[in-house]
PDB file of N, CA and C in Angstrom:
ATOM      1  N   MET A   1       0.845  -1.180   0.000  1.00  0.00           N
ATOM      2  CA  MET A   1       0.000   0.000   0.000  1.00  0.00           C
ATOM      3  C   MET A   1       0.893   1.247   0.000  1.00  0.00           C
ATOM      4  N   ALA A   2       0.484   2.256  -0.695  1.00  0.00           N
ATOM      5  CA  ALA A   2       1.254   3.493  -0.791  1.00  0.00           C
ATOM      6  C   ALA A   2       1.394   4.153   0.580  1.00  0.00           C
ATOM      7  N   VAL A   3       2.552   4.745   0.807  1.00  0.00           N
ATOM      8  CA  VAL A   3       2.829   5.421   2.075  1.00  0.00           C
ATOM      9  C   VAL A   3       3.258   6.847   1.768  1.00  0.00           C
ATOM     10  N   ILE A   4       2.618   7.809   2.411  1.00  0.00           N
ATOM     11  CA  ILE A   4       2.994   9.202   2.241  1.00  0.00           C
ATOM     12  C   ILE A   4       4.092   9.520   3.250  1.00  0.00           C
ATOM     13  N   ILE A   5       5.194  10.066   2.745  1.00  0.00           N
ATOM     14  CA  ILE A   5       6.344  10.392   3.590  1.00  0.00           C
ATOM     15  C   ILE A   5       6.498  11.905   3.621  1.00  0.00           C
ATOM     16  N   GLU A   6       6.427  12.461   4.813  1.00  0.00           N
ATOM     17  CA  GLU A   6       6.612  13.904   4.991  1.00  0.00           C
ATOM     18  C   GLU A   6       8.108  14.200   5.019  1.00  0.00           C
ATOM     19  N   ASN A   7       8.506  15.374   4.519  1.00  0.00           N
ATOM     20  CA  ASN A   7       9.898  15.770   4.654  1.00  0.00           C
ATOM     21  C   ASN A   7       9.981  17.185   5.216  1.00  0.00           C
ATOM     22  N   ARG A   8      11.150  17.629   5.500  1.00  0.00           N
ATOM     23  CA  ARG A   8      11.344  18.926   6.176  1.00  0.00           C
ATOM     24  C   ARG A   8      11.018  20.121   5.295  1.00  0.00           C
ATOM     25  N   LYS A   9      11.039  19.956   3.991  1.00  0.00           N
ATOM     26  CA  LYS A   9      10.782  21.071   3.086  1.00  0.00           C
ATOM     27  C   LYS A   9       9.302  21.227   2.758  1.00  0.00           C
ATOM     28  N   GLY A  10       8.456  20.378   3.334  1.00  0.00           N
ATOM     29  CA  GLY A  10       7.026  20.505   3.134  1.00  0.00           C
ATOM     30  C   GLY A  10       6.485  19.718   1.956  1.00  0.00           C
ATOM     31  N   ARG A  11       7.362  19.166   1.134  1.00  0.00           N
ATOM     32  CA  ARG A  11       6.881  18.387  -0.003  1.00  0.00           C
ATOM     33  C   ARG A  11       6.802  16.924   0.411  1.00  0.00           C
ATOM     34  N   ARG A  12       5.668  16.312   0.157  1.00  0.00           N
ATOM     35  CA  ARG A  12       5.485  14.920   0.547  1.00  0.00           C
ATOM     36  C   ARG A  12       5.865  13.992  -0.598  1.00  0.00           C
ATOM     37  N   LEU A  13       6.374  12.839  -0.248  1.00  0.00           N
ATOM     38  CA  LEU A  13       6.697  11.794  -1.211  1.00  0.00           C
ATOM     39  C   LEU A  13       5.720  10.650  -1.009  1.00  0.00           C
ATOM     40  N   ILE A  14       5.461   9.916  -2.062  1.00  0.00           N
ATOM     41  CA  ILE A  14       4.610   8.742  -1.957  1.00  0.00           C
ATOM     42  C   ILE A  14       5.447   7.524  -2.319  1.00  0.00           C
ATOM     43  N   ARG A  15       5.629   6.644  -1.346  1.00  0.00           N
ATOM     44  CA  ARG A  15       6.390   5.419  -1.587  1.00  0.00           C
ATOM     45  C   ARG A  15       5.410   4.349  -2.064  1.00  0.00           C
ATOM     46  N   LEU A  16       5.726   3.727  -3.202  1.00  0.00           N
ATOM     47  CA  LEU A  16       4.865   2.706  -3.788  1.00  0.00           C
ATOM     48  C   LEU A  16       5.503   1.341  -3.655  1.00  0.00           C
ATOM     49  N   ASN A  17       4.673   0.336  -3.439  1.00  0.00           N
ATOM     50  CA  ASN A  17       5.200  -1.020  -3.464  1.00  0.00           C
ATOM     51  C   ASN A  17       4.895  -1.634  -4.834  1.00  0.00           C
ATOM     52  N   THR A  18       5.292  -2.857  -5.044  1.00  0.00           N
ATOM     53  CA  THR A  18       5.133  -3.515  -6.337  1.00  0.00           C
ATOM     54  C   THR A  18       3.667  -3.580  -6.762  1.00  0.00           C
ATOM     55  N   ASP A  19       2.775  -3.922  -5.843  1.00  0.00           N
ATOM     56  CA  ASP A  19       1.351  -4.006  -6.178  1.00  0.00           C
ATOM     57  C   ASP A  19       0.785  -2.664  -6.623  1.00  0.00           C
ATOM     58  N   ASP A  20       1.217  -1.578  -5.983  1.00  0.00           N
ATOM     59  CA  ASP A  20       0.765  -0.242  -6.377  1.00  0.00           C
ATOM     60  C   ASP A  20       1.181   0.066  -7.809  1.00  0.00           C
ATOM     61  N   ILE A  21       2.422  -0.236  -8.139  1.00  0.00           N
ATOM     62  CA  ILE A  21       2.936   0.044  -9.484  1.00  0.00           C
ATOM     63  C   ILE A  21       2.198  -0.780 -10.524  1.00  0.00           C
ATOM     64  N   ILE A  22       1.998  -2.066 -10.235  1.00  0.00           N
ATOM     65  CA  ILE A  22       1.275  -2.926 -11.168  1.00  0.00           C
ATOM     66  C   ILE A  22      -0.149  -2.425 -11.369  1.00  0.00           C
ATOM     67  N   CYS A  23      -0.780  -1.968 -10.313  1.00  0.00           N
ATOM     68  CA  CYS A  23      -2.146  -1.427 -10.402  1.00  0.00           C
ATOM     69  C   CYS A  23      -2.184  -0.187 -11.292  1.00  0.00           C
ATOM     70  N   ILE A  24      -1.218   0.705 -11.131  1.00  0.00           N
ATOM     71  CA  ILE A  24      -1.163   1.920 -11.944  1.00  0.00           C
ATOM     72  C   ILE A  24      -0.941   1.573 -13.411  1.00  0.00           C
ATOM     73  N   VAL A  25      -0.016   0.649 -13.676  1.00  0.00           N
ATOM     74  CA  VAL A  25       0.257   0.241 -15.061  1.00  0.00           C
ATOM     75  C   VAL A  25      -0.980  -0.419 -15.669  1.00  0.00           C
ATOM     76  N   ARG A  26      -1.674  -1.256 -14.902  1.00  0.00           N
ATOM     77  CA  ARG A  26      -2.889  -1.921 -15.393  1.00  0.00           C
ATOM     78  C   ARG A  26      -3.955  -0.889 -15.763  1.00  0.00           C
ATOM     79  N   GLU A  27      -4.157   0.100 -14.894  1.00  0.00           N
ATOM     80  CA  GLU A  27      -5.140   1.144 -15.190  1.00  0.00           C
ATOM     81  C   GLU A  27      -4.747   1.926 -16.440  1.00  0.00           C
ATOM     82  N   TYR A  28      -3.460   2.238 -16.575  1.00  0.00           N
ATOM     83  CA  TYR A  28      -2.964   2.934 -17.766  1.00  0.00           C
ATOM     84  C   TYR A  28      -3.264   2.111 -19.006  1.00  0.00           C
ATOM     85  N   GLN A  29      -2.930   0.825 -18.980  1.00  0.00           N
ATOM     86  CA  GLN A  29      -3.144  -0.032 -20.143  1.00  0.00           C
ATOM     87  C   GLN A  29      -4.620  -0.168 -20.472  1.00  0.00           C
ATOM     88  N   ASN A  30      -5.461  -0.284 -19.462  1.00  0.00           N
ATOM     89  CA  ASN A  30      -6.902  -0.399 -19.695  1.00  0.00           C
ATOM     90  C   ASN A  30      -7.480   0.857 -20.330  1.00  0.00           C
ATOM     91  N   ASN A  31      -6.929   1.998 -19.975  1.00  0.00           N
ATOM     92  CA  ASN A  31      -7.493   3.261 -20.449  1.00  0.00           C
ATOM     93  C   ASN A  31      -6.951   3.716 -21.790  1.00  0.00           C
ATOM     94  N   VAL A  32      -5.756   3.324 -22.154  1.00  0.00           N
ATOM     95  CA  VAL A  32      -5.183   3.822 -23.409  1.00  0.00           C
ATOM     96  C   VAL A  32      -4.989   2.729 -24.453  1.00  0.00           C
ATOM     97  N   CYS A  33      -5.556   1.562 -24.205  1.00  0.00           N
ATOM     98  CA  CYS A  33      -5.452   0.464 -25.158  1.00  0.00           C
ATOM     99  C   CYS A  33      -5.988   0.883 -26.526  1.00  0.00           C
ATOM    100  N   GLY A  34      -5.192   0.690 -27.556  1.00  0.00           N
ATOM    101  CA  GLY A  34      -5.609   1.024 -28.914  1.00  0.00           C
ATOM    102  C   GLY A  34      -5.369   2.463 -29.324  1.00  0.00           C
ATOM    103  N   ILE A  35      -4.832   3.278 -28.434  1.00  0.00           N
ATOM    104  CA  ILE A  35      -4.535   4.668 -28.753  1.00  0.00           C
ATOM    105  C   ILE A  35      -3.028   4.783 -28.976  1.00  0.00           C
ATOM    106  N   TYR A  36      -2.631   5.369 -30.100  1.00  0.00           N
ATOM    107  CA  TYR A  36      -1.213   5.398 -30.450  1.00  0.00           C
ATOM    108  C   TYR A  36      -0.633   6.815 -30.557  1.00  0.00           C
ATOM    109  N   GLU A  37      -1.466   7.814 -30.567  1.00  0.00           N
ATOM    110  CA  GLU A  37      -1.004   9.195 -30.654  1.00  0.00           C
ATOM    111  C   GLU A  37      -0.761   9.753 -29.248  1.00  0.00           C
ATOM    112  N   TYR A  38       0.417  10.338 -29.059  1.00  0.00           N
ATOM    113  CA  TYR A  38       0.795  10.881 -27.757  1.00  0.00           C
ATOM    114  C   TYR A  38      -0.238  11.879 -27.228  1.00  0.00           C
ATOM    115  N   SER A  39      -0.674  12.794 -28.062  1.00  0.00           N
ATOM    116  CA  SER A  39      -1.623  13.827 -27.622  1.00  0.00           C
ATOM    117  C   SER A  39      -2.961  13.209 -27.226  1.00  0.00           C
ATOM    118  N   GLU A  40      -3.372  12.169 -27.921  1.00  0.00           N
ATOM    119  CA  GLU A  40      -4.633  11.506 -27.600  1.00  0.00           C
ATOM    120  C   GLU A  40      -4.521  10.747 -26.266  1.00  0.00           C
ATOM    121  N   ILE A  41      -3.362  10.122 -26.033  1.00  0.00           N
ATOM    122  CA  ILE A  41      -3.125   9.427 -24.758  1.00  0.00           C
ATOM    123  C   ILE A  41      -3.151  10.426 -23.612  1.00  0.00           C
ATOM    124  N   ARG A  42      -2.460  11.558 -23.782  1.00  0.00           N
ATOM    125  CA  ARG A  42      -2.455  12.582 -22.730  1.00  0.00           C
ATOM    126  C   ARG A  42      -3.863  13.092 -22.459  1.00  0.00           C
ATOM    127  N   ASN A  43      -4.637  13.321 -23.502  1.00  0.00           N
ATOM    128  CA  ASN A  43      -6.008  13.800 -23.343  1.00  0.00           C
ATOM    129  C   ASN A  43      -6.846  12.778 -22.584  1.00  0.00           C
ATOM    130  N   LYS A  44      -6.705  11.516 -22.935  1.00  0.00           N
ATOM    131  CA  LYS A  44      -7.441  10.454 -22.256  1.00  0.00           C
ATOM    132  C   LYS A  44      -7.061  10.383 -20.777  1.00  0.00           C
ATOM    133  N   LEU A  45      -5.756  10.446 -20.487  1.00  0.00           N
ATOM    134  CA  LEU A  45      -5.300  10.380 -19.095  1.00  0.00           C
ATOM    135  C   LEU A  45      -5.717  11.608 -18.296  1.00  0.00           C
ATOM    136  N   ASN A  46      -5.822  12.753 -18.950  1.00  0.00           N
ATOM    137  CA  ASN A  46      -6.276  13.966 -18.257  1.00  0.00           C
ATOM    138  C   ASN A  46      -7.724  13.852 -17.804  1.00  0.00           C
ATOM    139  N   ASN A  47      -8.485  12.988 -18.460  1.00  0.00           N
ATOM    140  CA  ASN A  47      -9.911  12.876 -18.166  1.00  0.00           C
ATOM    141  C   ASN A  47     -10.266  11.743 -17.206  1.00  0.00           C
ATOM    142  N   ILE A  48      -9.275  10.992 -16.733  1.00  0.00           N
ATOM    143  CA  ILE A  48      -9.566   9.927 -15.772  1.00  0.00           C
ATOM    144  C   ILE A  48      -9.000  10.308 -14.413  1.00  0.00           C
ATOM    145  N   GLU A  49      -9.504   9.671 -13.382  1.00  0.00           N
ATOM    146  CA  GLU A  49      -9.018   9.909 -12.030  1.00  0.00           C
ATOM    147  C   GLU A  49      -8.378   8.633 -11.516  1.00  0.00           C
ATOM    148  N   LEU A  50      -7.143   8.731 -11.050  1.00  0.00           N
ATOM    149  CA  LEU A  50      -6.451   7.614 -10.429  1.00  0.00           C
ATOM    150  C   LEU A  50      -6.178   7.985  -8.980  1.00  0.00           C
ATOM    151  N   TYR A  51      -6.364   7.041  -8.098  1.00  0.00           N
ATOM    152  CA  TYR A  51      -6.141   7.287  -6.679  1.00  0.00           C
ATOM    153  C   TYR A  51      -5.132   6.299  -6.129  1.00  0.00           C
ATOM    154  N   LEU A  52      -4.274   6.766  -5.250  1.00  0.00           N
ATOM    155  CA  LEU A  52      -3.362   5.909  -4.509  1.00  0.00           C
ATOM    156  C   LEU A  52      -3.866   5.856  -3.070  1.00  0.00           C
ATOM    157  N   PRO A  53      -4.096   4.657  -2.546  1.00  0.00           N
ATOM    158  CA  PRO A  53      -4.550   4.589  -1.159  1.00  0.00           C
ATOM    159  C   PRO A  53      -3.431   4.954  -0.201  1.00  0.00           C
ATOM    160  N   GLU A  54      -3.766   5.673   0.845  1.00  0.00           N
ATOM    161  CA  GLU A  54      -2.784   6.055   1.862  1.00  0.00           C
ATOM    162  C   GLU A  54      -2.784   4.996   2.941  1.00  0.00           C
ATOM    163  N   GLU A  55      -1.584   4.529   3.303  1.00  0.00           N
ATOM    164  CA  GLU A  55      -1.499   3.523   4.357  1.00  0.00           C
ATOM    165  C   GLU A  55      -1.916   4.149   5.679  1.00  0.00           C
ATOM    166  N   VAL A  56      -2.709   3.438   6.420  1.00  0.00           N
ATOM    167  CA  VAL A  56      -3.226   3.957   7.678  1.00  0.00           C
ATOM    168  C   VAL A  56      -2.349   3.518   8.833  1.00  0.00           C
TER     169      VAL A  56
END
């Protein structure tokens, strides 16, 4: 599960494990399957919402 890491400069980092990465790649592949133009892929990704769960 993703873990949010606070740092001293105020910018947070999100540490991902293998399952998180595979989930993100799967969602990417499901959403852009059959699209080959860079601009069309970016447009498609701009219109979807992806969430990373925060470890409790």
